[in-house]
């Protein structure tokens, strides 16, 4: 499962990939796997995904409905995430 998530992560963060819905679904998938204990969190990977979702030039409506909840859940479950940086980035998200 870890390898699958790493492969999908590599595809999702490619510079040509701007599919925010895909990134949002991947965040939801990772949050679910972490809750079930089926995945070892990789802080760099999760941080990169959150950064890419929040920095995308889209409105909040273009992300899937549960994206914000998943980000909060990841911040709760992955202790080494830079919460302050994530919150600052979230403040700059276009509304």
C-alpha atoms as a PDB file:
ATOM      1  CA  UNK A   1       0.000   0.000   0.000  1.00  0.00           C
ATOM      2  CA  UNK A   2       2.881   2.325   0.842  1.00  0.00           C
ATOM      3  CA  UNK A   3       4.410   1.829  -2.612  1.00  0.00           C
ATOM      4  CA  UNK A   4       1.093   2.460  -4.337  1.00  0.00           C
ATOM      5  CA  UNK A   5       0.622   5.733  -2.469  1.00  0.00           C
ATOM      6  CA  UNK A   6       4.189   6.816  -3.276  1.00  0.00           C
ATOM      7  CA  UNK A   7       3.693   6.101  -6.990  1.00  0.00           C
ATOM      8  CA  UNK A   8       0.394   7.987  -7.129  1.00  0.00           C
ATOM      9  CA  UNK A   9       2.025  10.841  -5.206  1.00  0.00           C
ATOM     10  CA  UNK A  10       4.827  11.089  -7.770  1.00  0.00           C
ATOM     11  CA  UNK A  11       2.301  11.258 -10.597  1.00  0.00           C
ATOM     12  CA  UNK A  12       0.096  13.765  -8.778  1.00  0.00           C
ATOM     13  CA  UNK A  13       2.840  16.280  -7.984  1.00  0.00           C
ATOM     14  CA  UNK A  14       4.369  16.381 -11.464  1.00  0.00           C
ATOM     15  CA  UNK A  15       4.639  19.990 -12.643  1.00  0.00           C
ATOM     16  CA  UNK A  16       2.250  19.293 -15.520  1.00  0.00           C
ATOM     17  CA  UNK A  17      -0.370  17.874 -13.154  1.00  0.00           C
ATOM     18  CA  UNK A  18      -2.773  20.551 -11.990  1.00  0.00           C
ATOM     19  CA  UNK A  19      -5.759  18.330 -11.288  1.00  0.00           C
ATOM     20  CA  UNK A  20      -6.755  19.612  -7.865  1.00  0.00           C
ATOM     21  CA  UNK A  21      -9.571  17.072  -7.626  1.00  0.00           C
ATOM     22  CA  UNK A  22      -7.034  14.240  -8.030  1.00  0.00           C
ATOM     23  CA  UNK A  23      -4.820  15.744  -5.335  1.00  0.00           C
ATOM     24  CA  UNK A  24      -7.819  16.210  -3.056  1.00  0.00           C
ATOM     25  CA  UNK A  25      -8.898  12.594  -3.511  1.00  0.00           C
ATOM     26  CA  UNK A  26      -5.335  11.443  -2.818  1.00  0.00           C
ATOM     27  CA  UNK A  27      -5.307  13.450   0.428  1.00  0.00           C
ATOM     28  CA  UNK A  28      -8.605  11.841   1.440  1.00  0.00           C
ATOM     29  CA  UNK A  29      -7.222   8.388   0.601  1.00  0.00           C
ATOM     30  CA  UNK A  30      -4.044   8.984   2.621  1.00  0.00           C
ATOM     31  CA  UNK A  31      -6.032  10.327   5.598  1.00  0.00           C
ATOM     32  CA  UNK A  32      -8.209   7.198   5.524  1.00  0.00           C
ATOM     33  CA  UNK A  33      -5.190   4.865   5.347  1.00  0.00           C
ATOM     34  CA  UNK A  34      -3.516   6.674   8.245  1.00  0.00           C
ATOM     35  CA  UNK A  35      -6.663   6.337  10.361  1.00  0.00           C
ATOM     36  CA  UNK A  36      -6.729   2.592   9.647  1.00  0.00           C
ATOM     37  CA  UNK A  37      -3.017   2.223  10.407  1.00  0.00           C
ATOM     38  CA  UNK A  38      -2.368   0.897   6.899  1.00  0.00           C
ATOM     39  CA  UNK A  39       0.214   3.527   5.972  1.00  0.00           C
ATOM     40  CA  UNK A  40       3.333   4.959   7.532  1.00  0.00           C
ATOM     41  CA  UNK A  41       3.124   8.731   7.228  1.00  0.00           C
ATOM     42  CA  UNK A  42       5.771  10.399   5.122  1.00  0.00           C
ATOM     43  CA  UNK A  43       5.837  13.985   6.312  1.00  0.00           C
ATOM     44  CA  UNK A  44       7.498  15.354   3.177  1.00  0.00           C
ATOM     45  CA  UNK A  45       4.987  13.665   0.885  1.00  0.00           C
ATOM     46  CA  UNK A  46       1.964  14.816   2.888  1.00  0.00           C
ATOM     47  CA  UNK A  47       3.333  18.353   3.222  1.00  0.00           C
ATOM     48  CA  UNK A  48       3.946  18.544  -0.509  1.00  0.00           C
ATOM     49  CA  UNK A  49       0.415  17.372  -1.331  1.00  0.00           C
ATOM     50  CA  UNK A  50      -1.178  19.818   1.101  1.00  0.00           C
ATOM     51  CA  UNK A  51       0.968  22.654  -0.267  1.00  0.00           C
ATOM     52  CA  UNK A  52       0.047  21.820  -3.852  1.00  0.00           C
ATOM     53  CA  UNK A  53      -3.686  21.607  -3.083  1.00  0.00           C
ATOM     54  CA  UNK A  54      -3.710  24.858  -1.140  1.00  0.00           C
ATOM     55  CA  UNK A  55      -1.508  26.752  -3.586  1.00  0.00           C
ATOM     56  CA  UNK A  56      -3.456  25.746  -6.682  1.00  0.00           C
ATOM     57  CA  UNK A  57      -5.024  28.687  -8.449  1.00  0.00           C
ATOM     58  CA  UNK A  58      -8.587  27.474  -7.973  1.00  0.00           C
ATOM     59  CA  UNK A  59     -11.527  28.417  -5.842  1.00  0.00           C
ATOM     60  CA  UNK A  60     -12.377  26.382  -2.772  1.00  0.00           C
ATOM     61  CA  UNK A  61     -15.408  24.987  -4.599  1.00  0.00           C
ATOM     62  CA  UNK A  62     -13.158  23.209  -7.118  1.00  0.00           C
ATOM     63  CA  UNK A  63     -11.613  21.055  -4.403  1.00  0.00           C
ATOM     64  CA  UNK A  64     -13.656  18.109  -3.226  1.00  0.00           C
ATOM     65  CA  UNK A  65     -15.910  18.864  -0.286  1.00  0.00           C
ATOM     66  CA  UNK A  66     -13.886  16.952   2.264  1.00  0.00           C
ATOM     67  CA  UNK A  67     -10.454  18.374   1.383  1.00  0.00           C
ATOM     68  CA  UNK A  68     -10.319  20.817   4.289  1.00  0.00           C
ATOM     69  CA  UNK A  69     -11.477  18.134   6.728  1.00  0.00           C
ATOM     70  CA  UNK A  70      -8.795  15.765   5.421  1.00  0.00           C
ATOM     71  CA  UNK A  71      -6.091  18.393   5.835  1.00  0.00           C
ATOM     72  CA  UNK A  72      -7.184  18.993   9.435  1.00  0.00           C
ATOM     73  CA  UNK A  73      -7.255  15.228  10.044  1.00  0.00           C
ATOM     74  CA  UNK A  74      -3.745  14.870   8.621  1.00  0.00           C
ATOM     75  CA  UNK A  75      -2.520  17.730  10.807  1.00  0.00           C
ATOM     76  CA  UNK A  76      -4.019  15.921  13.799  1.00  0.00           C
ATOM     77  CA  UNK A  77      -2.495  12.520  12.946  1.00  0.00           C
ATOM     78  CA  UNK A  78       0.931  13.450  11.568  1.00  0.00           C
ATOM     79  CA  UNK A  79       2.817  15.150  14.354  1.00  0.00           C
ATOM     80  CA  UNK A  80       5.738  16.499  12.320  1.00  0.00           C
ATOM     81  CA  UNK A  81       3.690  18.556   9.858  1.00  0.00           C
ATOM     82  CA  UNK A  82       4.374  22.281   9.969  1.00  0.00           C
ATOM     83  CA  UNK A  83       0.906  23.342  11.075  1.00  0.00           C
ATOM     84  CA  UNK A  84       1.713  27.050  11.071  1.00  0.00           C
ATOM     85  CA  UNK A  85       2.879  26.948   7.439  1.00  0.00           C
ATOM     86  CA  UNK A  86      -0.249  25.017   6.434  1.00  0.00           C
ATOM     87  CA  UNK A  87      -2.529  27.490   8.217  1.00  0.00           C
ATOM     88  CA  UNK A  88      -0.740  30.452   6.624  1.00  0.00           C
ATOM     89  CA  UNK A  89      -1.094  28.866   3.187  1.00  0.00           C
ATOM     90  CA  UNK A  90      -4.780  28.153   3.838  1.00  0.00           C
ATOM     91  CA  UNK A  91      -5.378  31.831   4.634  1.00  0.00           C
ATOM     92  CA  UNK A  92      -4.190  32.738   1.133  1.00  0.00           C
ATOM     93  CA  UNK A  93      -6.478  30.300  -0.665  1.00  0.00           C
ATOM     94  CA  UNK A  94      -8.742  32.141  -3.122  1.00  0.00           C
ATOM     95  CA  UNK A  95     -12.335  32.245  -1.925  1.00  0.00           C
END
